[in-house]
Amino acid sequence: MRDERPLMDGDDTLSPVDLPGSRTIGGRPLIWTAIAIYLAAAVLAVTNASAIHGWAVELPPGDWTAKLVQATERWETATAPFGRPHATMHGWWKAAQAARFGRERPDE
């Protein structure tokens, strides 16, 4: 017998594939996805302020760009107490690269 529940629990989608609504995320996958994207963007904005500033510095010069660079400098300063995740992870990577096992010699 065929299941007569509405597909995607009534949410209209442009998906070419008809999927049943998910019970684990409340049947609203679009809302769940939007929340995940916003959360990831917020985490990146806080933890990667130096990249945002680097992008702003590379823009063509102008009044708007100068204001943007000042704003990103302030943002970079404000988020500095949270640490620099890129530098930390890079340090971990370099330490892992330098690790040697047994009688292994470093590349020369």
C-alpha atoms as a PDB file:
ATOM      1  CA  MET A   1       0.000   0.000   0.000  1.00  0.00           C
ATOM      2  CA  ARG A   2       1.302   3.458  -0.888  1.00  0.00           C
ATOM      3  CA  ASP A   3       2.064   6.022   1.833  1.00  0.00           C
ATOM      4  CA  GLU A   4      -0.307   8.982   1.402  1.00  0.00           C
ATOM      5  CA  ARG A   5       1.678  11.514   3.488  1.00  0.00           C
ATOM      6  CA  PRO A   6       2.458  14.764   1.669  1.00  0.00           C
ATOM      7  CA  LEU A   7       6.011  14.946   0.386  1.00  0.00           C
ATOM      8  CA  MET A   8       8.385  17.127   2.421  1.00  0.00           C
ATOM      9  CA  ASP A   9       5.577  17.615   4.972  1.00  0.00           C
ATOM     10  CA  GLY A  10       3.951  20.278   2.848  1.00  0.00           C
ATOM     11  CA  ASP A  11       7.069  22.329   2.163  1.00  0.00           C
ATOM     12  CA  ASP A  12       7.276  23.408  -1.446  1.00  0.00           C
ATOM     13  CA  THR A  13      10.687  22.768  -2.965  1.00  0.00           C
ATOM     14  CA  LEU A  14      12.216  22.950  -6.399  1.00  0.00           C
ATOM     15  CA  SER A  15      13.884  19.569  -5.932  1.00  0.00           C
ATOM     16  CA  PRO A  16      13.407  17.125  -8.813  1.00  0.00           C
ATOM     17  CA  VAL A  17      13.439  14.313  -6.230  1.00  0.00           C
ATOM     18  CA  ASP A  18      10.435  13.755  -3.998  1.00  0.00           C
ATOM     19  CA  LEU A  19      11.633  12.983  -0.492  1.00  0.00           C
ATOM     20  CA  PRO A  20       9.571  12.369   2.613  1.00  0.00           C
ATOM     21  CA  GLY A  21       9.931  14.975   5.337  1.00  0.00           C
ATOM     22  CA  SER A  22      12.558  14.317   7.956  1.00  0.00           C
ATOM     23  CA  ARG A  23      11.298  13.622  11.462  1.00  0.00           C
ATOM     24  CA  THR A  24      14.708  14.325  13.036  1.00  0.00           C
ATOM     25  CA  ILE A  25      14.806  17.981  11.968  1.00  0.00           C
ATOM     26  CA  GLY A  26      11.131  18.733  12.298  1.00  0.00           C
ATOM     27  CA  GLY A  27      10.254  18.192   8.646  1.00  0.00           C
ATOM     28  CA  ARG A  28      11.678  21.570   7.645  1.00  0.00           C
ATOM     29  CA  PRO A  29      15.029  20.905   5.970  1.00  0.00           C
ATOM     30  CA  LEU A  30      15.243  24.380   4.430  1.00  0.00           C
ATOM     31  CA  ILE A  31      15.017  26.084   7.822  1.00  0.00           C
ATOM     32  CA  TRP A  32      17.582  23.699   9.297  1.00  0.00           C
ATOM     33  CA  THR A  33      19.964  24.352   6.389  1.00  0.00           C
ATOM     34  CA  ALA A  34      19.560  28.136   6.685  1.00  0.00           C
ATOM     35  CA  ILE A  35      20.335  27.995  10.417  1.00  0.00           C
ATOM     36  CA  ALA A  36      23.440  25.869   9.761  1.00  0.00           C
ATOM     37  CA  ILE A  37      24.689  28.331   7.113  1.00  0.00           C
ATOM     38  CA  TYR A  38      24.105  31.380   9.348  1.00  0.00           C
ATOM     39  CA  LEU A  39      25.848  29.689  12.273  1.00  0.00           C
ATOM     40  CA  ALA A  40      28.858  28.758  10.112  1.00  0.00           C
ATOM     41  CA  ALA A  41      29.049  32.317   8.745  1.00  0.00           C
ATOM     42  CA  ALA A  42      28.973  33.768  12.276  1.00  0.00           C
ATOM     43  CA  VAL A  43      31.732  31.434  13.475  1.00  0.00           C
ATOM     44  CA  LEU A  44      33.887  32.289  10.451  1.00  0.00           C
ATOM     45  CA  ALA A  45      33.285  36.024  10.911  1.00  0.00           C
ATOM     46  CA  VAL A  46      34.581  35.804  14.478  1.00  0.00           C
ATOM     47  CA  THR A  47      37.434  33.359  13.959  1.00  0.00           C
ATOM     48  CA  ASN A  48      38.705  34.518  10.574  1.00  0.00           C
ATOM     49  CA  ALA A  49      38.696  38.308  10.824  1.00  0.00           C
ATOM     50  CA  SER A  50      42.207  38.531   9.369  1.00  0.00           C
ATOM     51  CA  ALA A  51      41.004  36.932   6.121  1.00  0.00           C
ATOM     52  CA  ILE A  52      38.134  39.417   5.902  1.00  0.00           C
ATOM     53  CA  HIS A  53      40.585  42.270   6.431  1.00  0.00           C
ATOM     54  CA  GLY A  54      42.955  40.815   3.820  1.00  0.00           C
ATOM     55  CA  TRP A  55      40.113  40.736   1.309  1.00  0.00           C
ATOM     56  CA  ALA A  56      39.180  44.354   2.062  1.00  0.00           C
ATOM     57  CA  VAL A  57      42.783  45.555   1.640  1.00  0.00           C
ATOM     58  CA  GLU A  58      42.967  44.020  -1.848  1.00  0.00           C
ATOM     59  CA  LEU A  59      39.910  45.897  -3.148  1.00  0.00           C
ATOM     60  CA  PRO A  60      40.445  48.811  -5.552  1.00  0.00           C
ATOM     61  CA  PRO A  61      41.142  52.059  -3.646  1.00  0.00           C
ATOM     62  CA  GLY A  62      38.282  54.444  -2.993  1.00  0.00           C
ATOM     63  CA  ASP A  63      36.285  56.174  -0.268  1.00  0.00           C
ATOM     64  CA  TRP A  64      34.061  53.160   0.330  1.00  0.00           C
ATOM     65  CA  THR A  65      37.049  50.805   0.401  1.00  0.00           C
ATOM     66  CA  ALA A  66      38.880  53.005   2.926  1.00  0.00           C
ATOM     67  CA  LYS A  67      35.872  52.858   5.259  1.00  0.00           C
ATOM     68  CA  LEU A  68      35.627  49.102   4.787  1.00  0.00           C
ATOM     69  CA  VAL A  69      39.337  48.628   5.566  1.00  0.00           C
ATOM     70  CA  GLN A  70      38.958  50.690   8.755  1.00  0.00           C
ATOM     71  CA  ALA A  71      35.930  48.621   9.783  1.00  0.00           C
ATOM     72  CA  THR A  72      37.731  45.329   9.147  1.00  0.00           C
ATOM     73  CA  GLU A  73      40.775  46.558  11.093  1.00  0.00           C
ATOM     74  CA  ARG A  74      38.516  47.323  14.052  1.00  0.00           C
ATOM     75  CA  TRP A  75      36.829  43.932  13.691  1.00  0.00           C
ATOM     76  CA  GLU A  76      40.213  42.175  13.571  1.00  0.00           C
ATOM     77  CA  THR A  77      41.281  43.993  16.739  1.00  0.00           C
ATOM     78  CA  ALA A  78      37.997  43.210  18.490  1.00  0.00           C
ATOM     79  CA  THR A  79      38.214  39.482  17.719  1.00  0.00           C
ATOM     80  CA  ALA A  80      41.949  39.166  18.539  1.00  0.00           C
ATOM     81  CA  PRO A  81      41.278  37.902  22.105  1.00  0.00           C
ATOM     82  CA  PHE A  82      39.582  34.821  20.614  1.00  0.00           C
ATOM     83  CA  GLY A  83      42.907  33.710  19.133  1.00  0.00           C
ATOM     84  CA  ARG A  84      44.018  32.996  15.618  1.00  0.00           C
ATOM     85  CA  PRO A  85      42.707  29.567  14.653  1.00  0.00           C
ATOM     86  CA  HIS A  86      44.540  29.512  11.322  1.00  0.00           C
ATOM     87  CA  ALA A  87      47.922  30.104  12.959  1.00  0.00           C
ATOM     88  CA  THR A  88      47.172  27.520  15.652  1.00  0.00           C
ATOM     89  CA  MET A  89      46.138  24.850  13.160  1.00  0.00           C
ATOM     90  CA  HIS A  90      49.123  25.672  10.939  1.00  0.00           C
ATOM     91  CA  GLY A  91      51.387  25.116  13.950  1.00  0.00           C
ATOM     92  CA  TRP A  92      49.746  21.735  14.588  1.00  0.00           C
ATOM     93  CA  TRP A  93      50.246  20.803  10.918  1.00  0.00           C
ATOM     94  CA  LYS A  94      53.932  21.763  10.974  1.00  0.00           C
ATOM     95  CA  ALA A  95      54.450  19.765  14.181  1.00  0.00           C
ATOM     96  CA  ALA A  96      52.801  16.730  12.570  1.00  0.00           C
ATOM     97  CA  GLN A  97      55.009  17.156   9.483  1.00  0.00           C
ATOM     98  CA  ALA A  98      58.118  17.250  11.647  1.00  0.00           C
ATOM     99  CA  ALA A  99      57.171  14.103  13.596  1.00  0.00           C
ATOM    100  CA  ARG A 100      59.458  11.143  12.975  1.00  0.00           C
ATOM    101  CA  PHE A 101      58.913   7.483  13.770  1.00  0.00           C
ATOM    102  CA  GLY A 102      61.656   5.059  14.724  1.00  0.00           C
ATOM    103  CA  ARG A 103      64.860   5.596  12.765  1.00  0.00           C
ATOM    104  CA  GLU A 104      63.232   7.725  10.088  1.00  0.00           C
ATOM    105  CA  ARG A 105      65.358  10.677   8.993  1.00  0.00           C
ATOM    106  CA  PRO A 106      64.032  14.089   7.946  1.00  0.00           C
ATOM    107  CA  ASP A 107      63.888  14.819   4.238  1.00  0.00           C
ATOM    108  CA  GLU A 108      67.057  16.434   2.992  1.00  0.00           C
END
